[in-house]
Amino acid sequence: MFVKSSKSDEHAFYTICSADISILHGRLNDIKQYVETIKHVTLVKSRDEAKSITSFYGNDDLQIVGAEMLLASAVVEHNLPVAFKFY
């Protein structure tokens, strides 16, 4: 997704690649050229290949992970002390 760049009016910021792209010469043509670059193609490919959390955990495991997250957030939210004593 392209948004207005903070760099200048002659640039567009591409959120997927976190890059400012010069659109001074051809605007849409500059964007089309960028989309064909190795940097962009590699980032899109790696993003598509990224695994979701469900590929690492089964449905039963997700319930356990959810419970652990709730416990951890309650400890943080209420500033509860956690002390470990090793013998």
PDB file of N, CA and C in Angstrom:
ATOM      1  N   MET A   1       0.842  -1.171   0.000  1.00  0.00           N
ATOM      2  CA  MET A   1       0.000   0.000   0.000  1.00  0.00           C
ATOM      3  C   MET A   1       0.891   1.239   0.000  1.00  0.00           C
ATOM      4  N   PHE A   2       0.585   2.148  -0.846  1.00  0.00           N
ATOM      5  CA  PHE A   2       1.334   3.393  -0.950  1.00  0.00           C
ATOM      6  C   PHE A   2       0.603   4.506  -0.204  1.00  0.00           C
ATOM      7  N   VAL A   3       1.368   5.289   0.547  1.00  0.00           N
ATOM      8  CA  VAL A   3       0.826   6.444   1.252  1.00  0.00           C
ATOM      9  C   VAL A   3       1.747   7.627   0.986  1.00  0.00           C
ATOM     10  N   LYS A   4       1.311   8.795   1.400  1.00  0.00           N
ATOM     11  CA  LYS A   4       2.116   9.993   1.194  1.00  0.00           C
ATOM     12  C   LYS A   4       3.402   9.888   2.014  1.00  0.00           C
ATOM     13  N   SER A   5       4.498  10.215   1.386  1.00  0.00           N
ATOM     14  CA  SER A   5       5.802  10.142   2.040  1.00  0.00           C
ATOM     15  C   SER A   5       6.071  11.397   2.851  1.00  0.00           C
ATOM     16  N   SER A   6       6.756  11.221   3.960  1.00  0.00           N
ATOM     17  CA  SER A   6       7.159  12.379   4.760  1.00  0.00           C
ATOM     18  C   SER A   6       8.430  13.010   4.197  1.00  0.00           C
ATOM     19  N   LYS A   7       9.053  12.341   3.248  1.00  0.00           N
ATOM     20  CA  LYS A   7      10.300  12.819   2.647  1.00  0.00           C
ATOM     21  C   LYS A   7      10.059  14.031   1.758  1.00  0.00           C
ATOM     22  N   SER A   8       9.111  13.928   0.833  1.00  0.00           N
ATOM     23  CA  SER A   8       8.767  15.048  -0.048  1.00  0.00           C
ATOM     24  C   SER A   8       7.535  14.680  -0.870  1.00  0.00           C
ATOM     25  N   ASP A   9       7.052  15.656  -1.641  1.00  0.00           N
ATOM     26  CA  ASP A   9       5.902  15.400  -2.520  1.00  0.00           C
ATOM     27  C   ASP A   9       6.293  14.570  -3.735  1.00  0.00           C
ATOM     28  N   GLU A  10       7.594  14.464  -3.985  1.00  0.00           N
ATOM     29  CA  GLU A  10       8.072  13.681  -5.125  1.00  0.00           C
ATOM     30  C   GLU A  10       8.326  12.221  -4.758  1.00  0.00           C
ATOM     31  N   HIS A  11       7.887  11.814  -3.563  1.00  0.00           N
ATOM     32  CA  HIS A  11       8.092  10.446  -3.111  1.00  0.00           C
ATOM     33  C   HIS A  11       6.771   9.856  -2.614  1.00  0.00           C
ATOM     34  N   ALA A  12       6.684   8.533  -2.715  1.00  0.00           N
ATOM     35  CA  ALA A  12       5.566   7.787  -2.144  1.00  0.00           C
ATOM     36  C   ALA A  12       6.177   6.777  -1.181  1.00  0.00           C
ATOM     37  N   PHE A  13       5.517   6.553  -0.049  1.00  0.00           N
ATOM     38  CA  PHE A  13       6.016   5.590   0.922  1.00  0.00           C
ATOM     39  C   PHE A  13       5.269   4.284   0.740  1.00  0.00           C
ATOM     40  N   TYR A  14       6.024   3.201   0.539  1.00  0.00           N
ATOM     41  CA  TYR A  14       5.431   1.880   0.348  1.00  0.00           C
ATOM     42  C   TYR A  14       5.504   1.141   1.671  1.00  0.00           C
ATOM     43  N   THR A  15       4.347   0.904   2.283  1.00  0.00           N
ATOM     44  CA  THR A  15       4.304   0.374   3.640  1.00  0.00           C
ATOM     45  C   THR A  15       4.816  -1.062   3.738  1.00  0.00           C
ATOM     46  N   ILE A  16       4.623  -1.872   2.734  1.00  0.00           N
ATOM     47  CA  ILE A  16       5.069  -3.268   2.789  1.00  0.00           C
ATOM     48  C   ILE A  16       6.585  -3.353   2.858  1.00  0.00           C
ATOM     49  N   CYS A  17       7.265  -2.551   2.072  1.00  0.00           N
ATOM     50  CA  CYS A  17       8.727  -2.576   2.032  1.00  0.00           C
ATOM     51  C   CYS A  17       9.349  -1.521   2.934  1.00  0.00           C
ATOM     52  N   SER A  18       8.551  -0.663   3.518  1.00  0.00           N
ATOM     53  CA  SER A  18       9.039   0.463   4.329  1.00  0.00           C
ATOM     54  C   SER A  18      10.068   1.277   3.555  1.00  0.00           C
ATOM     55  N   ALA A  19       9.700   1.655   2.355  1.00  0.00           N
ATOM     56  CA  ALA A  19      10.626   2.368   1.483  1.00  0.00           C
ATOM     57  C   ALA A  19       9.960   3.593   0.860  1.00  0.00           C
ATOM     58  N   ASP A  20      10.756   4.666   0.743  1.00  0.00           N
ATOM     59  CA  ASP A  20      10.325   5.853   0.010  1.00  0.00           C
ATOM     60  C   ASP A  20      10.746   5.680  -1.440  1.00  0.00           C
ATOM     61  N   ILE A  21       9.786   5.830  -2.331  1.00  0.00           N
ATOM     62  CA  ILE A  21      10.032   5.627  -3.758  1.00  0.00           C
ATOM     63  C   ILE A  21       9.854   6.946  -4.480  1.00  0.00           C
ATOM     64  N   SER A  22      10.830   7.284  -5.309  1.00  0.00           N
ATOM     65  CA  SER A  22      10.734   8.514  -6.084  1.00  0.00           C
ATOM     66  C   SER A  22       9.680   8.350  -7.171  1.00  0.00           C
ATOM     67  N   ILE A  23       8.758   9.311  -7.226  1.00  0.00           N
ATOM     68  CA  ILE A  23       7.727   9.296  -8.272  1.00  0.00           C
ATOM     69  C   ILE A  23       7.808  10.582  -9.087  1.00  0.00           C
ATOM     70  N   LEU A  24       8.998  11.162  -9.104  1.00  0.00           N
ATOM     71  CA  LEU A  24       9.214  12.449  -9.760  1.00  0.00           C
ATOM     72  C   LEU A  24       9.018  12.372 -11.269  1.00  0.00           C
ATOM     73  N   HIS A  25       9.463  11.291 -11.893  1.00  0.00           N
ATOM     74  CA  HIS A  25       9.467  11.244 -13.361  1.00  0.00           C
ATOM     75  C   HIS A  25       8.174  10.717 -13.963  1.00  0.00           C
ATOM     76  N   GLY A  26       7.742   9.553 -13.505  1.00  0.00           N
ATOM     77  CA  GLY A  26       6.607   8.958 -14.184  1.00  0.00           C
ATOM     78  C   GLY A  26       5.447   8.597 -13.297  1.00  0.00           C
ATOM     79  N   ARG A  27       5.508   8.945 -12.036  1.00  0.00           N
ATOM     80  CA  ARG A  27       4.475   8.629 -11.047  1.00  0.00           C
ATOM     81  C   ARG A  27       4.070   7.160 -11.097  1.00  0.00           C
ATOM     82  N   LEU A  28       3.022   6.805 -11.814  1.00  0.00           N
ATOM     83  CA  LEU A  28       2.539   5.431 -11.862  1.00  0.00           C
ATOM     84  C   LEU A  28       3.587   4.508 -12.474  1.00  0.00           C
ATOM     85  N   ASN A  29       4.282   4.973 -13.485  1.00  0.00           N
ATOM     86  CA  ASN A  29       5.331   4.174 -14.117  1.00  0.00           C
ATOM     87  C   ASN A  29       6.473   3.913 -13.128  1.00  0.00           C
ATOM     88  N   ASP A  30       6.814   4.895 -12.294  1.00  0.00           N
ATOM     89  CA  ASP A  30       7.853   4.704 -11.277  1.00  0.00           C
ATOM     90  C   ASP A  30       7.438   3.616 -10.293  1.00  0.00           C
ATOM     91  N   ILE A  31       6.181   3.604  -9.922  1.00  0.00           N
ATOM     92  CA  ILE A  31       5.675   2.583  -9.003  1.00  0.00           C
ATOM     93  C   ILE A  31       5.708   1.207  -9.667  1.00  0.00           C
ATOM     94  N   LYS A  32       5.302   1.135 -10.925  1.00  0.00           N
ATOM     95  CA  LYS A  32       5.336  -0.138 -11.649  1.00  0.00           C
ATOM     96  C   LYS A  32       6.764  -0.670 -11.734  1.00  0.00           C
ATOM     97  N   GLN A  33       7.734   0.215 -11.968  1.00  0.00           N
ATOM     98  CA  GLN A  33       9.130  -0.205 -12.033  1.00  0.00           C
ATOM     99  C   GLN A  33       9.601  -0.715 -10.675  1.00  0.00           C
ATOM    100  N   TYR A  34       9.187  -0.058  -9.594  1.00  0.00           N
ATOM    101  CA  TYR A  34       9.602  -0.498  -8.267  1.00  0.00           C
ATOM    102  C   TYR A  34       9.040  -1.874  -7.933  1.00  0.00           C
ATOM    103  N   VAL A  35       7.802  -2.116  -8.305  1.00  0.00           N
ATOM    104  CA  VAL A  35       7.159  -3.391  -8.005  1.00  0.00           C
ATOM    105  C   VAL A  35       7.895  -4.553  -8.671  1.00  0.00           C
ATOM    106  N   GLU A  36       8.633  -4.282  -9.730  1.00  0.00           N
ATOM    107  CA  GLU A  36       9.380  -5.322 -10.430  1.00  0.00           C
ATOM    108  C   GLU A  36      10.803  -5.495  -9.894  1.00  0.00           C
ATOM    109  N   THR A  37      11.222  -4.694  -8.904  1.00  0.00           N
ATOM    110  CA  THR A  37      12.582  -4.796  -8.377  1.00  0.00           C
ATOM    111  C   THR A  37      12.749  -6.056  -7.536  1.00  0.00           C
ATOM    112  N   ILE A  38      13.987  -6.484  -7.400  1.00  0.00           N
ATOM    113  CA  ILE A  38      14.303  -7.685  -6.624  1.00  0.00           C
ATOM    114  C   ILE A  38      13.926  -7.485  -5.161  1.00  0.00           C
ATOM    115  N   LYS A  39      14.173  -6.292  -4.629  1.00  0.00           N
ATOM    116  CA  LYS A  39      13.841  -6.017  -3.225  1.00  0.00           C
ATOM    117  C   LYS A  39      12.364  -6.256  -2.962  1.00  0.00           C
ATOM    118  N   HIS A  40      11.525  -5.693  -3.810  1.00  0.00           N
ATOM    119  CA  HIS A  40      10.082  -5.821  -3.620  1.00  0.00           C
ATOM    120  C   HIS A  40       9.642  -7.276  -3.781  1.00  0.00           C
ATOM    121  N   VAL A  41      10.093  -7.933  -4.824  1.00  0.00           N
ATOM    122  CA  VAL A  41       9.687  -9.317  -5.092  1.00  0.00           C
ATOM    123  C   VAL A  41      10.103 -10.220  -3.938  1.00  0.00           C
ATOM    124  N   THR A  42      11.302 -10.028  -3.412  1.00  0.00           N
ATOM    125  CA  THR A  42      11.786 -10.840  -2.299  1.00  0.00           C
ATOM    126  C   THR A  42      10.956 -10.617  -1.045  1.00  0.00           C
ATOM    127  N   LEU A  43      10.646  -9.356  -0.733  1.00  0.00           N
ATOM    128  CA  LEU A  43       9.851  -9.067   0.459  1.00  0.00           C
ATOM    129  C   LEU A  43       8.441  -9.639   0.362  1.00  0.00           C
ATOM    130  N   VAL A  44       7.831  -9.520  -0.790  1.00  0.00           N
ATOM    131  CA  VAL A  44       6.474 -10.060  -0.970  1.00  0.00           C
ATOM    132  C   VAL A  44       6.487 -11.582  -0.877  1.00  0.00           C
ATOM    133  N   LYS A  45       7.501 -12.201  -1.472  1.00  0.00           N
ATOM    134  CA  LYS A  45       7.602 -13.662  -1.433  1.00  0.00           C
ATOM    135  C   LYS A  45       7.795 -14.141   0.003  1.00  0.00           C
ATOM    136  N   SER A  46       8.672 -13.495   0.751  1.00  0.00           N
ATOM    137  CA  SER A  46       8.911 -13.917   2.135  1.00  0.00           C
ATOM    138  C   SER A  46       7.681 -13.676   3.001  1.00  0.00           C
ATOM    139  N   ARG A  47       6.954 -12.622   2.708  1.00  0.00           N
ATOM    140  CA  ARG A  47       5.731 -12.331   3.457  1.00  0.00           C
ATOM    141  C   ARG A  47       4.672 -13.391   3.186  1.00  0.00           C
ATOM    142  N   ASP A  48       4.571 -13.828   1.934  1.00  0.00           N
ATOM    143  CA  ASP A  48       3.600 -14.858   1.588  1.00  0.00           C
ATOM    144  C   ASP A  48       3.959 -16.210   2.193  1.00  0.00           C
ATOM    145  N   GLU A  49       5.278 -16.455   2.379  1.00  0.00           N
ATOM    146  CA  GLU A  49       5.724 -17.732   2.904  1.00  0.00           C
ATOM    147  C   GLU A  49       5.725 -17.770   4.432  1.00  0.00           C
ATOM    148  N   ALA A  50       5.502 -16.623   5.058  1.00  0.00           N
ATOM    149  CA  ALA A  50       5.508 -16.578   6.524  1.00  0.00           C
ATOM    150  C   ALA A  50       4.397 -17.467   7.060  1.00  0.00           C
ATOM    151  N   LYS A  51       4.734 -18.220   8.084  1.00  0.00           N
ATOM    152  CA  LYS A  51       3.761 -19.154   8.640  1.00  0.00           C
ATOM    153  C   LYS A  51       2.922 -18.462   9.693  1.00  0.00           C
ATOM    154  N   SER A  52       1.667 -18.846   9.752  1.00  0.00           N
ATOM    155  CA  SER A  52       0.779 -18.311  10.780  1.00  0.00           C
ATOM    156  C   SER A  52       0.975 -19.107  12.063  1.00  0.00           C
ATOM    157  N   ILE A  53       0.442 -18.616  13.150  1.00  0.00           N
ATOM    158  CA  ILE A  53       0.602 -19.279  14.442  1.00  0.00           C
ATOM    159  C   ILE A  53      -0.043 -20.660  14.440  1.00  0.00           C
ATOM    160  N   THR A  54      -1.075 -20.846  13.639  1.00  0.00           N
ATOM    161  CA  THR A  54      -1.750 -22.151  13.623  1.00  0.00           C
ATOM    162  C   THR A  54      -0.889 -23.228  12.976  1.00  0.00           C
ATOM    163  N   SER A  55       0.116 -22.844  12.186  1.00  0.00           N
ATOM    164  CA  SER A  55       0.990 -23.860  11.614  1.00  0.00           C
ATOM    165  C   SER A  55       1.995 -24.368  12.640  1.00  0.00           C
ATOM    166  N   PHE A  56       2.214 -23.610  13.715  1.00  0.00           N
ATOM    167  CA  PHE A  56       3.123 -24.028  14.766  1.00  0.00           C
ATOM    168  C   PHE A  56       2.404 -24.753  15.895  1.00  0.00           C
ATOM    169  N   TYR A  57       1.171 -24.405  16.126  1.00  0.00           N
ATOM    170  CA  TYR A  57       0.402 -24.971  17.222  1.00  0.00           C
ATOM    171  C   TYR A  57      -0.880 -25.589  16.688  1.00  0.00           C
ATOM    172  N   GLY A  58      -1.335 -26.646  17.344  1.00  0.00           N
ATOM    173  CA  GLY A  58      -2.634 -27.222  17.016  1.00  0.00           C
ATOM    174  C   GLY A  58      -3.723 -26.424  17.714  1.00  0.00           C
ATOM    175  N   ASN A  59      -4.976 -26.740  17.456  1.00  0.00           N
ATOM    176  CA  ASN A  59      -6.088 -26.023  18.079  1.00  0.00           C
ATOM    177  C   ASN A  59      -6.088 -26.161  19.599  1.00  0.00           C
ATOM    178  N   ASP A  60      -5.757 -27.360  20.100  1.00  0.00           N
ATOM    179  CA  ASP A  60      -5.704 -27.553  21.552  1.00  0.00           C
ATOM    180  C   ASP A  60      -4.584 -26.715  22.162  1.00  0.00           C
ATOM    181  N   ASP A  61      -3.458 -26.656  21.474  1.00  0.00           N
ATOM    182  CA  ASP A  61      -2.328 -25.869  21.958  1.00  0.00           C
ATOM    183  C   ASP A  61      -2.660 -24.379  21.989  1.00  0.00           C
ATOM    184  N   LEU A  62      -3.483 -23.917  21.065  1.00  0.00           N
ATOM    185  CA  LEU A  62      -3.850 -22.501  21.035  1.00  0.00           C
ATOM    186  C   LEU A  62      -4.626 -22.099  22.282  1.00  0.00           C
ATOM    187  N   GLN A  63      -5.436 -23.013  22.805  1.00  0.00           N
ATOM    188  CA  GLN A  63      -6.160 -22.722  24.041  1.00  0.00           C
ATOM    189  C   GLN A  63      -5.191 -22.589  25.210  1.00  0.00           C
ATOM    190  N   ILE A  64      -4.169 -23.423  25.232  1.00  0.00           N
ATOM    191  CA  ILE A  64      -3.158 -23.346  26.284  1.00  0.00           C
ATOM    192  C   ILE A  64      -2.365 -22.044  26.159  1.00  0.00           C
ATOM    193  N   VAL A  65      -1.964 -21.704  24.935  1.00  0.00           N
ATOM    194  CA  VAL A  65      -1.237 -20.459  24.704  1.00  0.00           C
ATOM    195  C   VAL A  65      -2.092 -19.262  25.122  1.00  0.00           C
ATOM    196  N   GLY A  66      -3.382 -19.304  24.811  1.00  0.00           N
ATOM    197  CA  GLY A  66      -4.293 -18.223  25.200  1.00  0.00           C
ATOM    198  C   GLY A  66      -4.385 -18.080  26.713  1.00  0.00           C
ATOM    199  N   ALA A  67      -4.462 -19.204  27.412  1.00  0.00           N
ATOM    200  CA  ALA A  67      -4.522 -19.165  28.872  1.00  0.00           C
ATOM    201  C   ALA A  67      -3.231 -18.610  29.456  1.00  0.00           C
ATOM    202  N   GLU A  68      -2.097 -19.011  28.887  1.00  0.00           N
ATOM    203  CA  GLU A  68      -0.808 -18.497  29.366  1.00  0.00           C
ATOM    204  C   GLU A  68      -0.694 -16.991  29.130  1.00  0.00           C
ATOM    205  N   MET A  69      -1.215 -16.537  28.001  1.00  0.00           N
ATOM    206  CA  MET A  69      -1.177 -15.103  27.696  1.00  0.00           C
ATOM    207  C   MET A  69      -2.063 -14.317  28.668  1.00  0.00           C
ATOM    208  N   LEU A  70      -3.233 -14.871  28.998  1.00  0.00           N
ATOM    209  CA  LEU A  70      -4.116 -14.208  29.964  1.00  0.00           C
ATOM    210  C   LEU A  70      -3.464 -14.110  31.340  1.00  0.00           C
ATOM    211  N   LEU A  71      -2.809 -15.188  31.774  1.00  0.00           N
ATOM    212  CA  LEU A  71      -2.138 -15.175  33.067  1.00  0.00           C
ATOM    213  C   LEU A  71      -1.006 -14.144  33.071  1.00  0.00           C
ATOM    214  N   ALA A  72      -0.189 -14.140  32.021  1.00  0.00           N
ATOM    215  CA  ALA A  72       0.922 -13.194  31.942  1.00  0.00           C
ATOM    216  C   ALA A  72       0.427 -11.753  31.906  1.00  0.00           C
ATOM    217  N   SER A  73      -0.642 -11.498  31.165  1.00  0.00           N
ATOM    218  CA  SER A  73      -1.158 -10.121  31.091  1.00  0.00           C
ATOM    219  C   SER A  73      -1.760  -9.685  32.426  1.00  0.00           C
ATOM    220  N   ALA A  74      -2.369 -10.619  33.176  1.00  0.00           N
ATOM    221  CA  ALA A  74      -2.918 -10.285  34.499  1.00  0.00           C
ATOM    222  C   ALA A  74      -1.789  -9.938  35.467  1.00  0.00           C
ATOM    223  N   VAL A  75      -0.698 -10.677  35.410  1.00  0.00           N
ATOM    224  CA  VAL A  75       0.460 -10.398  36.264  1.00  0.00           C
ATOM    225  C   VAL A  75       1.012  -9.011  35.960  1.00  0.00           C
ATOM    226  N   VAL A  76       1.140  -8.691  34.688  1.00  0.00           N
ATOM    227  CA  VAL A  76       1.672  -7.383  34.288  1.00  0.00           C
ATOM    228  C   VAL A  76       0.692  -6.268  34.633  1.00  0.00           C
ATOM    229  N   GLU A  77      -0.573  -6.452  34.320  1.00  0.00           N
ATOM    230  CA  GLU A  77      -1.582  -5.413  34.541  1.00  0.00           C
ATOM    231  C   GLU A  77      -1.708  -5.036  36.022  1.00  0.00           C
ATOM    232  N   HIS A  78      -1.639  -6.040  36.895  1.00  0.00           N
ATOM    233  CA  HIS A  78      -1.822  -5.788  38.321  1.00  0.00           C
ATOM    234  C   HIS A  78      -0.495  -5.642  39.066  1.00  0.00           C
ATOM    235  N   ASN A  79       0.602  -5.613  38.304  1.00  0.00           N
ATOM    236  CA  ASN A  79       1.940  -5.407  38.858  1.00  0.00           C
ATOM    237  C   ASN A  79       2.217  -6.392  39.998  1.00  0.00           C
ATOM    238  N   LEU A  80       1.896  -7.653  39.757  1.00  0.00           N
ATOM    239  CA  LEU A  80       2.086  -8.681  40.776  1.00  0.00           C
ATOM    240  C   LEU A  80       3.552  -9.110  40.823  1.00  0.00           C
ATOM    241  N   PRO A  81       4.101  -9.282  42.021  1.00  0.00           N
ATOM    242  CA  PRO A  81       5.497  -9.714  42.110  1.00  0.00           C
ATOM    243  C   PRO A  81       5.622 -11.197  41.760  1.00  0.00           C
ATOM    244  N   VAL A  82       6.667 -11.510  41.083  1.00  0.00           N
ATOM    245  CA  VAL A  82       6.937 -12.898  40.734  1.00  0.00           C
ATOM    246  C   VAL A  82       8.322 -13.206  41.286  1.00  0.00           C
ATOM    247  N   ALA A  83       8.387 -14.134  42.241  1.00  0.00           N
ATOM    248  CA  ALA A  83       9.664 -14.478  42.873  1.00  0.00           C
ATOM    249  C   ALA A  83       9.946 -15.957  42.627  1.00  0.00           C
ATOM    250  N   PHE A  84      11.161 -16.224  42.236  1.00  0.00           N
ATOM    251  CA  PHE A  84      11.613 -17.599  42.031  1.00  0.00           C
ATOM    252  C   PHE A  84      12.703 -17.880  43.050  1.00  0.00           C
ATOM    253  N   LYS A  85      12.587 -19.014  43.688  1.00  0.00           N
ATOM    254  CA  LYS A  85      13.592 -19.396  44.663  1.00  0.00           C
ATOM    255  C   LYS A  85      14.146 -20.754  44.253  1.00  0.00           C
ATOM    256  N   PHE A  86      15.411 -20.783  43.948  1.00  0.00           N
ATOM    257  CA  PHE A  86      16.051 -22.023  43.540  1.00  0.00           C
ATOM    258  C   PHE A  86      16.850 -22.559  44.724  1.00  0.00           C
ATOM    259  N   TYR A  87      16.694 -23.826  44.992  1.00  0.00           N
ATOM    260  CA  TYR A  87      17.422 -24.449  46.097  1.00  0.00           C
ATOM    261  C   TYR A  87      18.581 -25.223  45.586  1.00  0.00           C
TER     262      TYR A  87
END
